[in-house]
Amino acid sequence: MRLDKYLKVSRIIKRRTVANEACDQGRVSVNGRSVKASYDVKVGDVLELRFGEKTMRAQVLRISEHVGKDEAAELYKVLP
């Protein structure tokens, strides 16, 4: 699954266009490397998102095309 779509489906970022822009601006990295929105996300990848002063790290636990609002948080685990 594409990175921008994963960020939207998992509800880490609310809209796919915003996720796409964040990737284009270099604010999203996977396993320590800056990647494009078309990156193919795999289970076990560590995502790092930078928004202003905040940084969020999350590990991909599961990939699913369609997820309900309640199950979205089960797709990833927030890392310290």
Protein backbone atom coordinates (compact mmCIF):
# COMPACT_ATOMS: atom_id res chain seq x y z
CA MET A 1 0.00 0.00 0.00
CA ARG A 2 1.23 3.50 -0.80
CA LEU A 3 2.51 5.55 2.13
CA ASP A 4 0.07 8.42 1.62
CA LYS A 5 -2.88 6.02 1.54
CA TYR A 6 -1.64 4.17 4.65
CA LEU A 7 -1.36 7.43 6.58
CA LYS A 8 -4.96 8.26 5.65
CA VAL A 9 -6.43 4.77 6.28
CA SER A 10 -4.70 4.53 9.67
CA ARG A 11 -5.93 8.06 10.45
CA ILE A 12 -2.46 9.29 11.38
CA ILE A 13 -3.17 12.08 8.87
CA LYS A 14 -6.81 12.88 8.13
CA ARG A 15 -6.61 13.52 4.38
CA ARG A 16 -4.57 11.85 1.65
CA THR A 17 -3.68 15.15 0.00
CA VAL A 18 -2.18 16.40 3.27
CA ALA A 19 -0.24 13.13 3.62
CA ASN A 20 1.01 13.52 0.05
CA GLU A 21 2.16 17.10 0.70
CA ALA A 22 3.95 16.07 3.92
CA CYS A 23 5.87 13.39 1.99
CA ASP A 24 6.76 15.85 -0.79
CA GLN A 25 8.10 18.34 1.77
CA GLY A 26 10.35 15.70 3.35
CA ARG A 27 8.49 15.60 6.68
CA VAL A 28 7.92 11.83 6.55
CA SER A 29 10.66 9.23 6.76
CA VAL A 30 10.56 5.44 6.87
CA ASN A 31 13.30 3.47 8.63
CA GLY A 32 15.42 6.63 8.81
CA ARG A 33 15.17 7.49 5.09
CA SER A 34 13.12 10.30 3.59
CA VAL A 35 10.64 8.76 1.15
CA LYS A 36 8.05 9.75 -1.44
CA ALA A 37 4.30 9.27 -1.08
CA SER A 38 4.47 6.31 -3.48
CA TYR A 39 6.68 4.28 -1.08
CA ASP A 40 5.28 0.75 -0.55
CA VAL A 41 4.63 0.37 3.20
CA LYS A 42 5.46 -3.01 4.75
CA VAL A 43 4.71 -4.53 8.15
CA GLY A 44 7.52 -3.66 10.56
CA ASP A 45 8.42 -0.31 8.96
CA VAL A 46 9.05 2.55 11.39
CA LEU A 47 7.43 5.80 10.27
CA GLU A 48 8.63 9.17 11.52
CA LEU A 49 6.48 12.26 10.95
CA ARG A 50 7.64 15.79 11.73
CA PHE A 51 5.10 18.59 12.18
CA GLY A 52 6.59 21.80 13.51
CA GLU A 53 8.22 21.05 16.87
CA LYS A 54 6.51 17.65 17.25
CA THR A 55 7.84 14.32 16.00
CA MET A 56 5.80 11.14 15.95
CA ARG A 57 7.29 7.67 15.51
CA ALA A 58 5.07 4.69 14.76
CA GLN A 59 5.68 1.08 13.78
CA VAL A 60 3.44 -0.53 11.16
CA LEU A 61 1.70 -3.56 12.68
CA ARG A 62 -0.87 -4.35 10.00
CA ILE A 63 -1.90 -3.20 6.53
CA SER A 64 -5.54 -3.12 5.47
CA GLU A 65 -7.33 -1.36 2.60
CA HIS A 66 -10.50 -0.58 4.56
CA VAL A 67 -10.59 -0.04 8.30
CA GLY A 68 -13.28 1.33 10.57
CA LYS A 69 -12.67 4.27 12.85
CA ASP A 70 -12.41 2.02 15.90
CA GLU A 71 -9.83 -0.31 14.32
CA ALA A 72 -7.57 2.38 12.81
CA ALA A 73 -5.32 2.61 15.87
CA GLU A 74 -4.63 -1.15 15.65
CA LEU A 75 -2.72 -0.67 12.37
CA TYR A 76 0.27 0.93 14.11
CA LYS A 77 2.03 1.25 17.47
CA VAL A 78 3.31 4.64 18.65
CA LEU A 79 6.98 4.49 19.66
CA PRO A 80 8.65 6.74 22.27
